[in-house]
């Protein structure tokens, strides 16, 4: 499972977009990019990561019950 992306720069001014999983394994998604291209690709990948895989799948899931912490009562 992918946990996120980050941008890595080099001394030559080339940028890379790196994908990282839950075990900290890194995979280079894009290499030799300009800063502007790396940032655009980063936001595109983050949007894909946060979007549901199937738009219809979100409507079938039951709503999560909202947890309300119990109130504290003071006895005087």
PDB file of N, CA and C in Angstrom:
ATOM      1  N   UNK A   1       0.840  -1.189   0.000  1.00  0.00           N
ATOM      2  CA  UNK A   1       0.000   0.000   0.000  1.00  0.00           C
ATOM      3  C   UNK A   1       0.880   1.245   0.000  1.00  0.00           C
ATOM      4  N   UNK A   2       0.524   2.190  -0.824  1.00  0.00           N
ATOM      5  CA  UNK A   2       1.270   3.444  -0.919  1.00  0.00           C
ATOM      6  C   UNK A   2       0.825   4.361   0.210  1.00  0.00           C
ATOM      7  N   UNK A   3       1.790   4.941   0.915  1.00  0.00           N
ATOM      8  CA  UNK A   3       1.431   5.859   1.984  1.00  0.00           C
ATOM      9  C   UNK A   3       1.631   7.313   1.593  1.00  0.00           C
ATOM     10  N   UNK A   4       2.471   7.574   0.596  1.00  0.00           N
ATOM     11  CA  UNK A   4       2.642   8.956   0.202  1.00  0.00           C
ATOM     12  C   UNK A   4       3.702   9.160  -0.844  1.00  0.00           C
ATOM     13  N   UNK A   5       3.902  10.416  -1.183  1.00  0.00           N
ATOM     14  CA  UNK A   5       4.867  10.830  -2.187  1.00  0.00           C
ATOM     15  C   UNK A   5       5.675  11.986  -1.622  1.00  0.00           C
ATOM     16  N   UNK A   6       6.891  12.132  -2.116  1.00  0.00           N
ATOM     17  CA  UNK A   6       7.660  13.319  -1.803  1.00  0.00           C
ATOM     18  C   UNK A   6       8.547  13.657  -2.986  1.00  0.00           C
ATOM     19  N   UNK A   7       9.037  14.907  -2.995  1.00  0.00           N
ATOM     20  CA  UNK A   7       9.874  15.400  -4.079  1.00  0.00           C
ATOM     21  C   UNK A   7      11.309  15.456  -3.588  1.00  0.00           C
ATOM     22  N   UNK A   8      12.201  14.936  -4.407  1.00  0.00           N
ATOM     23  CA  UNK A   8      13.627  14.914  -4.066  1.00  0.00           C
ATOM     24  C   UNK A   8      14.377  15.714  -5.127  1.00  0.00           C
ATOM     25  N   UNK A   9      15.246  16.607  -4.670  1.00  0.00           N
ATOM     26  CA  UNK A   9      16.044  17.407  -5.590  1.00  0.00           C
ATOM     27  C   UNK A   9      17.482  16.922  -5.645  1.00  0.00           C
ATOM     28  N   UNK A  10      18.159  17.273  -6.718  1.00  0.00           N
ATOM     29  CA  UNK A  10      19.571  16.914  -6.843  1.00  0.00           C
ATOM     30  C   UNK A  10      20.403  18.180  -7.015  1.00  0.00           C
ATOM     31  N   UNK A  11      21.714  18.032  -6.942  1.00  0.00           N
ATOM     32  CA  UNK A  11      22.607  19.172  -7.071  1.00  0.00           C
ATOM     33  C   UNK A  11      22.573  19.760  -8.480  1.00  0.00           C
ATOM     34  N   UNK A  12      22.219  18.929  -9.464  1.00  0.00           N
ATOM     35  CA  UNK A  12      22.165  19.406 -10.849  1.00  0.00           C
ATOM     36  C   UNK A  12      20.892  20.195 -11.155  1.00  0.00           C
ATOM     37  N   UNK A  13      19.979  20.257 -10.226  1.00  0.00           N
ATOM     38  CA  UNK A  13      18.730  20.980 -10.446  1.00  0.00           C
ATOM     39  C   UNK A  13      17.620  20.118 -11.005  1.00  0.00           C
ATOM     40  N   UNK A  14      17.867  18.821 -11.146  1.00  0.00           N
ATOM     41  CA  UNK A  14      16.822  17.900 -11.601  1.00  0.00           C
ATOM     42  C   UNK A  14      16.042  17.419 -10.379  1.00  0.00           C
ATOM     43  N   UNK A  15      14.776  17.196 -10.562  1.00  0.00           N
ATOM     44  CA  UNK A  15      13.908  16.797  -9.464  1.00  0.00           C
ATOM     45  C   UNK A  15      13.297  15.439  -9.762  1.00  0.00           C
ATOM     46  N   UNK A  16      12.950  14.716  -8.708  1.00  0.00           N
ATOM     47  CA  UNK A  16      12.332  13.403  -8.862  1.00  0.00           C
ATOM     48  C   UNK A  16      11.145  13.305  -7.915  1.00  0.00           C
ATOM     49  N   UNK A  17      10.111  12.601  -8.343  1.00  0.00           N
ATOM     50  CA  UNK A  17       8.976  12.311  -7.478  1.00  0.00           C
ATOM     51  C   UNK A  17       9.143  10.874  -6.998  1.00  0.00           C
ATOM     52  N   UNK A  18       9.101  10.697  -5.693  1.00  0.00           N
ATOM     53  CA  UNK A  18       9.337   9.389  -5.089  1.00  0.00           C
ATOM     54  C   UNK A  18       8.082   8.932  -4.364  1.00  0.00           C
ATOM     55  N   UNK A  19       7.728   7.672  -4.596  1.00  0.00           N
ATOM     56  CA  UNK A  19       6.573   7.043  -3.948  1.00  0.00           C
ATOM     57  C   UNK A  19       7.108   6.203  -2.793  1.00  0.00           C
ATOM     58  N   UNK A  20       6.440   6.267  -1.643  1.00  0.00           N
ATOM     59  CA  UNK A  20       6.903   5.517  -0.478  1.00  0.00           C
ATOM     60  C   UNK A  20       5.759   4.701   0.104  1.00  0.00           C
ATOM     61  N   UNK A  21       6.040   3.431   0.433  1.00  0.00           N
ATOM     62  CA  UNK A  21       5.009   2.575   1.004  1.00  0.00           C
ATOM     63  C   UNK A  21       5.156   2.505   2.521  1.00  0.00           C
ATOM     64  N   UNK A  22       4.312   1.679   3.153  1.00  0.00           N
ATOM     65  CA  UNK A  22       4.300   1.615   4.614  1.00  0.00           C
ATOM     66  C   UNK A  22       5.567   1.001   5.198  1.00  0.00           C
ATOM     67  N   UNK A  23       6.348   0.321   4.397  1.00  0.00           N
ATOM     68  CA  UNK A  23       7.622  -0.245   4.855  1.00  0.00           C
ATOM     69  C   UNK A  23       8.808   0.636   4.456  1.00  0.00           C
ATOM     70  N   UNK A  24       8.526   1.870   4.066  1.00  0.00           N
ATOM     71  CA  UNK A  24       9.518   2.875   3.684  1.00  0.00           C
ATOM     72  C   UNK A  24      10.293   2.477   2.427  1.00  0.00           C
ATOM     73  N   UNK A  25       9.715   1.618   1.601  1.00  0.00           N
ATOM     74  CA  UNK A  25      10.329   1.268   0.317  1.00  0.00           C
ATOM     75  C   UNK A  25      10.045   2.411  -0.646  1.00  0.00           C
ATOM     76  N   UNK A  26      11.084   2.867  -1.327  1.00  0.00           N
ATOM     77  CA  UNK A  26      10.958   3.994  -2.240  1.00  0.00           C
ATOM     78  C   UNK A  26      10.965   3.527  -3.687  1.00  0.00           C
ATOM     79  N   UNK A  27      10.097   4.128  -4.487  1.00  0.00           N
ATOM     80  CA  UNK A  27      10.043   3.881  -5.916  1.00  0.00           C
ATOM     81  C   UNK A  27       9.997   5.233  -6.613  1.00  0.00           C
ATOM     82  N   UNK A  28      10.912   5.460  -7.549  1.00  0.00           N
ATOM     83  CA  UNK A  28      10.936   6.730  -8.286  1.00  0.00           C
ATOM     84  C   UNK A  28       9.852   6.696  -9.354  1.00  0.00           C
ATOM     85  N   UNK A  29       8.923   7.642  -9.275  1.00  0.00           N
ATOM     86  CA  UNK A  29       7.809   7.733 -10.213  1.00  0.00           C
ATOM     87  C   UNK A  29       8.197   8.584 -11.417  1.00  0.00           C
ATOM     88  N   UNK A  30       8.861   9.686 -11.166  1.00  0.00           N
ATOM     89  CA  UNK A  30       9.301  10.573 -12.233  1.00  0.00           C
ATOM     90  C   UNK A  30      10.687  11.091 -11.910  1.00  0.00           C
ATOM     91  N   UNK A  31      11.580  11.121 -12.902  1.00  0.00           N
ATOM     92  CA  UNK A  31      12.955  11.543 -12.664  1.00  0.00           C
ATOM     93  C   UNK A  31      13.363  12.542 -13.739  1.00  0.00           C
ATOM     94  N   UNK A  32      14.290  13.435 -13.399  1.00  0.00           N
ATOM     95  CA  UNK A  32      14.768  14.425 -14.362  1.00  0.00           C
ATOM     96  C   UNK A  32      13.744  15.507 -14.657  1.00  0.00           C
ATOM     97  N   UNK A  33      12.881  15.784 -13.698  1.00  0.00           N
ATOM     98  CA  UNK A  33      11.819  16.775 -13.887  1.00  0.00           C
ATOM     99  C   UNK A  33      12.282  18.153 -13.451  1.00  0.00           C
ATOM    100  N   UNK A  34      11.632  19.167 -13.989  1.00  0.00           N
ATOM    101  CA  UNK A  34      11.851  20.517 -13.471  1.00  0.00           C
ATOM    102  C   UNK A  34      11.063  20.632 -12.169  1.00  0.00           C
ATOM    103  N   UNK A  35      11.349  21.667 -11.419  1.00  0.00           N
ATOM    104  CA  UNK A  35      10.648  21.859 -10.144  1.00  0.00           C
ATOM    105  C   UNK A  35       9.149  21.970 -10.368  1.00  0.00           C
ATOM    106  N   UNK A  36       8.760  22.725 -11.372  1.00  0.00           N
ATOM    107  CA  UNK A  36       7.336  22.935 -11.667  1.00  0.00           C
ATOM    108  C   UNK A  36       6.652  21.625 -12.057  1.00  0.00           C
ATOM    109  N   UNK A  37       7.332  20.807 -12.880  1.00  0.00           N
ATOM    110  CA  UNK A  37       6.770  19.520 -13.292  1.00  0.00           C
ATOM    111  C   UNK A  37       6.649  18.560 -12.109  1.00  0.00           C
ATOM    112  N   UNK A  38       7.653  18.569 -11.235  1.00  0.00           N
ATOM    113  CA  UNK A  38       7.626  17.686 -10.065  1.00  0.00           C
ATOM    114  C   UNK A  38       6.483  18.049  -9.123  1.00  0.00           C
ATOM    115  N   UNK A  39       6.274  19.325  -8.922  1.00  0.00           N
ATOM    116  CA  UNK A  39       5.183  19.773  -8.047  1.00  0.00           C
ATOM    117  C   UNK A  39       3.825  19.426  -8.649  1.00  0.00           C
ATOM    118  N   UNK A  40       3.673  19.632  -9.955  1.00  0.00           N
ATOM    119  CA  UNK A  40       2.404  19.301 -10.620  1.00  0.00           C
ATOM    120  C   UNK A  40       2.121  17.802 -10.540  1.00  0.00           C
ATOM    121  N   UNK A  41       3.152  16.980 -10.761  1.00  0.00           N
ATOM    122  CA  UNK A  41       2.979  15.531 -10.682  1.00  0.00           C
ATOM    123  C   UNK A  41       2.682  15.091  -9.256  1.00  0.00           C
ATOM    124  N   UNK A  42       3.330  15.742  -8.276  1.00  0.00           N
ATOM    125  CA  UNK A  42       3.069  15.446  -6.861  1.00  0.00           C
ATOM    126  C   UNK A  42       1.595  15.646  -6.526  1.00  0.00           C
ATOM    127  N   UNK A  43       1.038  16.782  -6.894  1.00  0.00           N
ATOM    128  CA  UNK A  43      -0.358  17.072  -6.561  1.00  0.00           C
ATOM    129  C   UNK A  43      -1.320  16.170  -7.317  1.00  0.00           C
ATOM    130  N   UNK A  44      -0.962  15.789  -8.539  1.00  0.00           N
ATOM    131  CA  UNK A  44      -1.793  14.857  -9.307  1.00  0.00           C
ATOM    132  C   UNK A  44      -1.838  13.501  -8.610  1.00  0.00           C
ATOM    133  N   UNK A  45      -0.677  13.005  -8.194  1.00  0.00           N
ATOM    134  CA  UNK A  45      -0.605  11.702  -7.524  1.00  0.00           C
ATOM    135  C   UNK A  45      -1.291  11.738  -6.157  1.00  0.00           C
ATOM    136  N   UNK A  46      -1.160  12.835  -5.432  1.00  0.00           N
ATOM    137  CA  UNK A  46      -1.823  12.948  -4.131  1.00  0.00           C
ATOM    138  C   UNK A  46      -3.337  12.969  -4.293  1.00  0.00           C
ATOM    139  N   UNK A  47      -3.835  13.600  -5.342  1.00  0.00           N
ATOM    140  CA  UNK A  47      -5.277  13.603  -5.606  1.00  0.00           C
ATOM    141  C   UNK A  47      -5.761  12.200  -5.934  1.00  0.00           C
ATOM    142  N   UNK A  48      -4.982  11.455  -6.719  1.00  0.00           N
ATOM    143  CA  UNK A  48      -5.339  10.074  -7.041  1.00  0.00           C
ATOM    144  C   UNK A  48      -5.326   9.200  -5.790  1.00  0.00           C
ATOM    145  N   UNK A  49      -4.372   9.454  -4.905  1.00  0.00           N
ATOM    146  CA  UNK A  49      -4.246   8.674  -3.680  1.00  0.00           C
ATOM    147  C   UNK A  49      -5.416   8.919  -2.736  1.00  0.00           C
ATOM    148  N   UNK A  50      -5.916  10.131  -2.689  1.00  0.00           N
ATOM    149  CA  UNK A  50      -7.005  10.462  -1.775  1.00  0.00           C
ATOM    150  C   UNK A  50      -8.386  10.167  -2.343  1.00  0.00           C
ATOM    151  N   UNK A  51      -8.487  10.017  -3.664  1.00  0.00           N
ATOM    152  CA  UNK A  51      -9.775   9.739  -4.297  1.00  0.00           C
ATOM    153  C   UNK A  51     -10.139   8.265  -4.108  1.00  0.00           C
ATOM    154  N   UNK A  52     -11.423   7.968  -3.943  1.00  0.00           N
ATOM    155  CA  UNK A  52     -11.813   6.554  -3.847  1.00  0.00           C
ATOM    156  C   UNK A  52     -11.542   5.844  -5.168  1.00  0.00           C
ATOM    157  N   UNK A  53     -11.203   4.567  -5.090  1.00  0.00           N
ATOM    158  CA  UNK A  53     -10.894   3.792  -6.285  1.00  0.00           C
ATOM    159  C   UNK A  53     -12.109   3.704  -7.204  1.00  0.00           C
ATOM    160  N   UNK A  54     -13.284   3.525  -6.623  1.00  0.00           N
ATOM    161  CA  UNK A  54     -14.512   3.431  -7.398  1.00  0.00           C
ATOM    162  C   UNK A  54     -15.480   4.474  -6.849  1.00  0.00           C
ATOM    163  N   UNK A  55     -15.877   5.461  -7.645  1.00  0.00           N
ATOM    164  CA  UNK A  55     -16.766   6.508  -7.122  1.00  0.00           C
ATOM    165  C   UNK A  55     -18.071   5.960  -6.558  1.00  0.00           C
ATOM    166  N   UNK A  56     -18.584   4.867  -7.102  1.00  0.00           N
ATOM    167  CA  UNK A  56     -19.838   4.305  -6.605  1.00  0.00           C
ATOM    168  C   UNK A  56     -19.629   3.549  -5.297  1.00  0.00           C
ATOM    169  N   UNK A  57     -18.399   3.149  -5.004  1.00  0.00           N
ATOM    170  CA  UNK A  57     -18.138   2.372  -3.790  1.00  0.00           C
ATOM    171  C   UNK A  57     -18.383   3.194  -2.533  1.00  0.00           C
ATOM    172  N   UNK A  58     -18.165   4.487  -2.601  1.00  0.00           N
ATOM    173  CA  UNK A  58     -18.343   5.328  -1.426  1.00  0.00           C
ATOM    174  C   UNK A  58     -19.794   5.445  -0.992  1.00  0.00           C
ATOM    175  N   UNK A  59     -20.734   5.325  -1.914  1.00  0.00           N
ATOM    176  CA  UNK A  59     -22.142   5.502  -1.572  1.00  0.00           C
ATOM    177  C   UNK A  59     -22.738   4.261  -0.914  1.00  0.00           C
ATOM    178  N   UNK A  60     -22.127   3.082  -1.120  1.00  0.00           N
ATOM    179  CA  UNK A  60     -22.665   1.854  -0.544  1.00  0.00           C
ATOM    180  C   UNK A  60     -22.208   1.610   0.885  1.00  0.00           C
ATOM    181  N   UNK A  61     -21.177   2.291   1.286  1.00  0.00           N
ATOM    182  CA  UNK A  61     -20.644   2.065   2.632  1.00  0.00           C
ATOM    183  C   UNK A  61     -21.576   2.666   3.672  1.00  0.00           C
ATOM    184  N   UNK A  62     -21.740   1.984   4.806  1.00  0.00           N
ATOM    185  CA  UNK A  62     -22.560   2.574   5.866  1.00  0.00           C
ATOM    186  C   UNK A  62     -21.840   3.769   6.479  1.00  0.00           C
ATOM    187  N   UNK A  63     -22.608   4.707   6.942  1.00  0.00           N
ATOM    188  CA  UNK A  63     -22.021   5.888   7.561  1.00  0.00           C
ATOM    189  C   UNK A  63     -21.413   5.520   8.892  1.00  0.00           C
ATOM    190  N   UNK A  64     -20.283   6.117   9.188  1.00  0.00           N
ATOM    191  CA  UNK A  64     -19.638   5.858  10.468  1.00  0.00           C
ATOM    192  C   UNK A  64     -20.399   6.559  11.576  1.00  0.00           C
ATOM    193  N   UNK A  65     -20.568   5.853  12.655  1.00  0.00           N
ATOM    194  CA  UNK A  65     -21.236   6.450  13.806  1.00  0.00           C
ATOM    195  C   UNK A  65     -20.278   7.419  14.471  1.00  0.00           C
ATOM    196  N   UNK A  66     -20.769   8.569  14.765  1.00  0.00           N
ATOM    197  CA  UNK A  66     -19.924   9.575  15.373  1.00  0.00           C
ATOM    198  C   UNK A  66     -19.765   9.267  16.856  1.00  0.00           C
ATOM    199  N   UNK A  67     -18.538   9.180  17.286  1.00  0.00           N
ATOM    200  CA  UNK A  67     -18.265   8.888  18.692  1.00  0.00           C
ATOM    201  C   UNK A  67     -18.297  10.185  19.486  1.00  0.00           C
ATOM    202  N   UNK A  68     -19.099  10.196  20.512  1.00  0.00           N
ATOM    203  CA  UNK A  68     -19.180  11.346  21.390  1.00  0.00           C
ATOM    204  C   UNK A  68     -18.654  10.917  22.741  1.00  0.00           C
ATOM    205  N   UNK A  69     -17.595  11.552  23.215  1.00  0.00           N
ATOM    206  CA  UNK A  69     -17.055  11.139  24.513  1.00  0.00           C
ATOM    207  C   UNK A  69     -18.054  11.426  25.628  1.00  0.00           C
ATOM    208  N   UNK A  70     -18.102  10.549  26.631  1.00  0.00           N
ATOM    209  CA  UNK A  70     -19.032  10.797  27.746  1.00  0.00           C
ATOM    210  C   UNK A  70     -18.625  12.066  28.494  1.00  0.00           C
ATOM    211  N   UNK A  71     -19.618  12.752  28.987  1.00  0.00           N
ATOM    212  CA  UNK A  71     -19.345  13.979  29.724  1.00  0.00           C
ATOM    213  C   UNK A  71     -18.952  13.634  31.149  1.00  0.00           C
ATOM    214  N   UNK A  72     -18.083  14.446  31.677  1.00  0.00           N
ATOM    215  CA  UNK A  72     -17.667  14.259  33.070  1.00  0.00           C
ATOM    216  C   UNK A  72     -18.683  14.944  33.972  1.00  0.00           C
ATOM    217  N   UNK A  73     -19.004  14.289  35.064  1.00  0.00           N
ATOM    218  CA  UNK A  73     -19.944  14.880  36.023  1.00  0.00           C
ATOM    219  C   UNK A  73     -19.214  15.134  37.324  1.00  0.00           C
ATOM    220  N   UNK A  74     -19.406  16.301  37.845  1.00  0.00           N
ATOM    221  CA  UNK A  74     -18.810  16.660  39.120  1.00  0.00           C
ATOM    222  C   UNK A  74     -19.877  16.603  40.200  1.00  0.00           C
ATOM    223  N   UNK A  75     -19.580  15.870  41.261  1.00  0.00           N
ATOM    224  CA  UNK A  75     -20.499  15.843  42.392  1.00  0.00           C
ATOM    225  C   UNK A  75     -19.974  16.814  43.430  1.00  0.00           C
ATOM    226  N   UNK A  76     -20.830  17.738  43.794  1.00  0.00           N
ATOM    227  CA  UNK A  76     -20.441  18.739  44.784  1.00  0.00           C
ATOM    228  C   UNK A  76     -21.075  18.467  46.113  1.00  0.00           C
TER     229      UNK A  76
END
